[in-house]
């Protein structure tokens, strides 16, 4: 695929999830574009990944406890 050949999309994500993602990108140097491209590739090519996505019902969480736990784990 030509690297210049891309489709512009627009999505809305819950603010809390995006803020938590932004915190993690500072730690892991992963950007939303990178994650999206990799997730789409895995969804298309990996049936286990696709099944995991379809079987994950909790698509929204509240608070930042998840990110705080990751920070604590990284510091150990």
N, C-alpha and C. Protein backbone atom coordinates (compact mmCIF):
# COMPACT_ATOMS: atom_id res chain seq x y z
N UNK A 1 0.84 -1.18 0.00
CA UNK A 1 0.00 0.00 0.00
C UNK A 1 0.89 1.24 0.00
N UNK A 2 0.54 2.19 -0.80
CA UNK A 2 1.24 3.46 -0.85
C UNK A 2 1.06 4.18 0.48
N UNK A 3 2.16 4.62 1.08
CA UNK A 3 2.09 5.28 2.39
C UNK A 3 1.28 6.57 2.34
N UNK A 4 1.16 7.16 1.18
CA UNK A 4 0.38 8.40 1.07
C UNK A 4 -1.11 8.12 0.89
N UNK A 5 -1.45 6.88 0.57
CA UNK A 5 -2.85 6.51 0.35
C UNK A 5 -3.50 6.19 1.70
N UNK A 6 -4.21 7.14 2.24
CA UNK A 6 -4.84 6.98 3.55
C UNK A 6 -6.26 7.52 3.50
N UNK A 7 -7.09 7.02 4.41
CA UNK A 7 -8.46 7.49 4.53
C UNK A 7 -8.58 8.28 5.82
N UNK A 8 -9.10 9.47 5.73
CA UNK A 8 -9.31 10.30 6.90
C UNK A 8 -10.62 9.89 7.57
N UNK A 9 -10.54 9.58 8.86
CA UNK A 9 -11.73 9.22 9.62
C UNK A 9 -11.84 10.12 10.84
N UNK A 10 -12.96 10.07 11.47
CA UNK A 10 -13.17 10.83 12.70
C UNK A 10 -13.90 9.93 13.68
N UNK A 11 -13.37 9.84 14.90
CA UNK A 11 -14.02 9.04 15.93
C UNK A 11 -14.15 9.87 17.20
N UNK A 12 -15.09 9.50 18.01
CA UNK A 12 -15.25 10.13 19.31
C UNK A 12 -15.00 9.07 20.37
N UNK A 13 -14.14 9.40 21.32
CA UNK A 13 -13.84 8.48 22.40
C UNK A 13 -14.13 9.19 23.71
N UNK A 14 -14.49 8.43 24.75
CA UNK A 14 -14.73 9.05 26.05
C UNK A 14 -13.49 9.81 26.52
N UNK A 15 -13.71 10.99 27.05
CA UNK A 15 -12.62 11.88 27.46
C UNK A 15 -11.66 11.20 28.44
N UNK A 16 -12.20 10.50 29.42
CA UNK A 16 -11.36 9.84 30.42
C UNK A 16 -10.45 8.81 29.82
N UNK A 17 -10.96 8.02 28.89
CA UNK A 17 -10.14 7.00 28.24
C UNK A 17 -9.03 7.67 27.44
N UNK A 18 -9.37 8.72 26.71
CA UNK A 18 -8.35 9.39 25.90
C UNK A 18 -7.28 10.04 26.77
N UNK A 19 -7.69 10.64 27.88
CA UNK A 19 -6.72 11.25 28.79
C UNK A 19 -5.78 10.19 29.37
N UNK A 20 -6.33 9.04 29.74
CA UNK A 20 -5.51 7.95 30.25
C UNK A 20 -4.55 7.46 29.16
N UNK A 21 -5.04 7.37 27.94
CA UNK A 21 -4.20 6.96 26.82
C UNK A 21 -3.05 7.94 26.63
N UNK A 22 -3.33 9.23 26.72
CA UNK A 22 -2.29 10.25 26.55
C UNK A 22 -1.21 10.12 27.63
N UNK A 23 -1.61 9.79 28.86
CA UNK A 23 -0.63 9.59 29.92
C UNK A 23 0.27 8.41 29.56
N UNK A 24 -0.32 7.34 29.09
CA UNK A 24 0.46 6.15 28.73
C UNK A 24 1.37 6.39 27.53
N UNK A 25 0.97 7.28 26.61
CA UNK A 25 1.82 7.53 25.44
C UNK A 25 3.12 8.19 25.85
N UNK A 26 3.10 8.94 26.91
CA UNK A 26 4.34 9.55 27.39
C UNK A 26 5.29 8.48 27.91
N UNK A 27 4.75 7.41 28.47
CA UNK A 27 5.56 6.32 28.99
C UNK A 27 6.05 5.41 27.86
N UNK A 28 5.16 5.04 26.96
CA UNK A 28 5.45 4.02 25.95
C UNK A 28 5.74 4.56 24.56
N UNK A 29 5.62 5.86 24.35
CA UNK A 29 5.85 6.46 23.03
C UNK A 29 4.96 5.85 21.95
N UNK A 30 3.71 5.62 22.30
CA UNK A 30 2.73 5.08 21.34
C UNK A 30 1.71 6.19 21.08
N UNK A 31 1.39 6.39 19.83
CA UNK A 31 0.43 7.42 19.47
C UNK A 31 -0.85 6.77 18.95
N UNK A 32 -1.93 7.52 18.97
CA UNK A 32 -3.23 6.98 18.56
C UNK A 32 -3.16 6.45 17.12
N UNK A 33 -2.46 7.14 16.24
CA UNK A 33 -2.29 6.68 14.86
C UNK A 33 -1.62 5.31 14.83
N UNK A 34 -0.55 5.14 15.60
CA UNK A 34 0.16 3.86 15.66
C UNK A 34 -0.75 2.75 16.17
N UNK A 35 -1.43 3.04 17.26
CA UNK A 35 -2.32 2.04 17.87
C UNK A 35 -3.43 1.66 16.91
N UNK A 36 -4.02 2.64 16.26
CA UNK A 36 -5.12 2.38 15.33
C UNK A 36 -4.67 1.49 14.17
N UNK A 37 -3.53 1.83 13.57
CA UNK A 37 -3.04 1.04 12.45
C UNK A 37 -2.72 -0.39 12.87
N UNK A 38 -2.08 -0.55 14.01
CA UNK A 38 -1.73 -1.89 14.49
C UNK A 38 -2.97 -2.69 14.87
N UNK A 39 -3.93 -2.03 15.52
CA UNK A 39 -5.15 -2.73 15.90
C UNK A 39 -5.94 -3.16 14.66
N UNK A 40 -6.01 -2.30 13.65
CA UNK A 40 -6.71 -2.68 12.42
C UNK A 40 -6.02 -3.86 11.74
N UNK A 41 -4.69 -3.82 11.69
CA UNK A 41 -3.94 -4.92 11.09
C UNK A 41 -4.20 -6.24 11.84
N UNK A 42 -4.10 -6.19 13.17
CA UNK A 42 -4.35 -7.39 13.96
C UNK A 42 -5.78 -7.87 13.84
N UNK A 43 -6.72 -6.96 13.79
CA UNK A 43 -8.12 -7.34 13.65
C UNK A 43 -8.34 -8.11 12.35
N UNK A 44 -7.69 -7.65 11.30
CA UNK A 44 -7.85 -8.28 9.98
C UNK A 44 -7.11 -9.62 9.90
N UNK A 45 -5.93 -9.71 10.52
CA UNK A 45 -5.06 -10.87 10.30
C UNK A 45 -5.03 -11.90 11.43
N UNK A 46 -5.53 -11.56 12.60
CA UNK A 46 -5.39 -12.45 13.76
C UNK A 46 -6.76 -12.76 14.35
N UNK A 47 -7.21 -13.98 14.15
CA UNK A 47 -8.55 -14.35 14.61
C UNK A 47 -8.66 -14.34 16.14
N UNK A 48 -7.57 -14.65 16.85
CA UNK A 48 -7.60 -14.58 18.31
C UNK A 48 -7.79 -13.14 18.79
N UNK A 49 -7.09 -12.21 18.16
CA UNK A 49 -7.25 -10.80 18.50
C UNK A 49 -8.69 -10.36 18.22
N UNK A 50 -9.20 -10.74 17.06
CA UNK A 50 -10.57 -10.38 16.67
C UNK A 50 -11.57 -10.93 17.68
N UNK A 51 -11.37 -12.17 18.11
CA UNK A 51 -12.26 -12.77 19.10
C UNK A 51 -12.17 -12.01 20.43
N UNK A 52 -10.96 -11.64 20.82
CA UNK A 52 -10.79 -10.90 22.07
C UNK A 52 -11.51 -9.56 22.02
N UNK A 53 -11.42 -8.88 20.90
CA UNK A 53 -12.12 -7.59 20.73
C UNK A 53 -13.63 -7.80 20.84
N UNK A 54 -14.14 -8.82 20.16
CA UNK A 54 -15.58 -9.07 20.18
C UNK A 54 -16.08 -9.55 21.53
N UNK A 55 -15.22 -10.18 22.32
CA UNK A 55 -15.66 -10.71 23.61
C UNK A 55 -15.42 -9.73 24.76
N UNK A 56 -14.85 -8.57 24.46
CA UNK A 56 -14.63 -7.55 25.48
C UNK A 56 -15.85 -6.64 25.52
N UNK A 57 -16.63 -6.80 26.58
CA UNK A 57 -17.87 -6.04 26.68
C UNK A 57 -17.69 -4.72 27.40
N UNK A 58 -16.70 -4.64 28.27
CA UNK A 58 -16.49 -3.42 29.04
C UNK A 58 -15.68 -2.45 28.18
N UNK A 59 -16.36 -1.65 27.37
CA UNK A 59 -15.67 -0.72 26.48
C UNK A 59 -15.54 0.66 27.09
N UNK A 60 -16.05 0.85 28.27
CA UNK A 60 -15.94 2.15 28.91
C UNK A 60 -15.69 1.96 30.39
N UNK A 61 -14.75 2.67 30.90
CA UNK A 61 -14.51 2.64 32.33
C UNK A 61 -14.41 4.08 32.82
N UNK A 62 -14.56 4.24 34.11
CA UNK A 62 -14.50 5.58 34.66
C UNK A 62 -13.31 5.70 35.59
N UNK A 63 -12.83 6.88 35.77
CA UNK A 63 -11.70 7.11 36.66
C UNK A 63 -10.38 6.78 36.02
N UNK A 64 -9.33 7.00 36.76
CA UNK A 64 -7.99 6.76 36.25
C UNK A 64 -7.25 5.70 37.06
N UNK A 65 -7.97 4.87 37.74
CA UNK A 65 -7.34 3.83 38.56
C UNK A 65 -6.47 2.92 37.70
N UNK A 66 -6.88 2.65 36.48
CA UNK A 66 -6.13 1.79 35.57
C UNK A 66 -4.76 2.38 35.29
N UNK A 67 -4.71 3.65 34.92
CA UNK A 67 -3.45 4.31 34.61
C UNK A 67 -2.58 4.42 35.86
N UNK A 68 -3.18 4.74 36.99
CA UNK A 68 -2.42 4.83 38.24
C UNK A 68 -1.77 3.49 38.56
N UNK A 69 -2.47 2.39 38.35
CA UNK A 69 -1.92 1.07 38.60
C UNK A 69 -0.74 0.79 37.68
N UNK A 70 -0.84 1.20 36.42
CA UNK A 70 0.26 1.01 35.47
C UNK A 70 1.48 1.82 35.91
N UNK A 71 1.25 3.06 36.33
CA UNK A 71 2.37 3.89 36.79
C UNK A 71 3.07 3.25 37.97
N UNK A 72 2.30 2.73 38.91
CA UNK A 72 2.87 2.08 40.10
C UNK A 72 3.68 0.86 39.68
N UNK A 73 3.14 0.07 38.77
CA UNK A 73 3.81 -1.13 38.28
C UNK A 73 5.11 -0.78 37.58
N UNK A 74 5.10 0.28 36.77
CA UNK A 74 6.30 0.70 36.03
C UNK A 74 7.40 1.15 36.96
N UNK A 75 7.03 1.75 38.11
CA UNK A 75 8.02 2.27 39.04
C UNK A 75 8.72 1.17 39.84
N UNK A 76 8.12 -0.01 39.90
CA UNK A 76 8.70 -1.11 40.69
C UNK A 76 9.86 -1.76 39.97
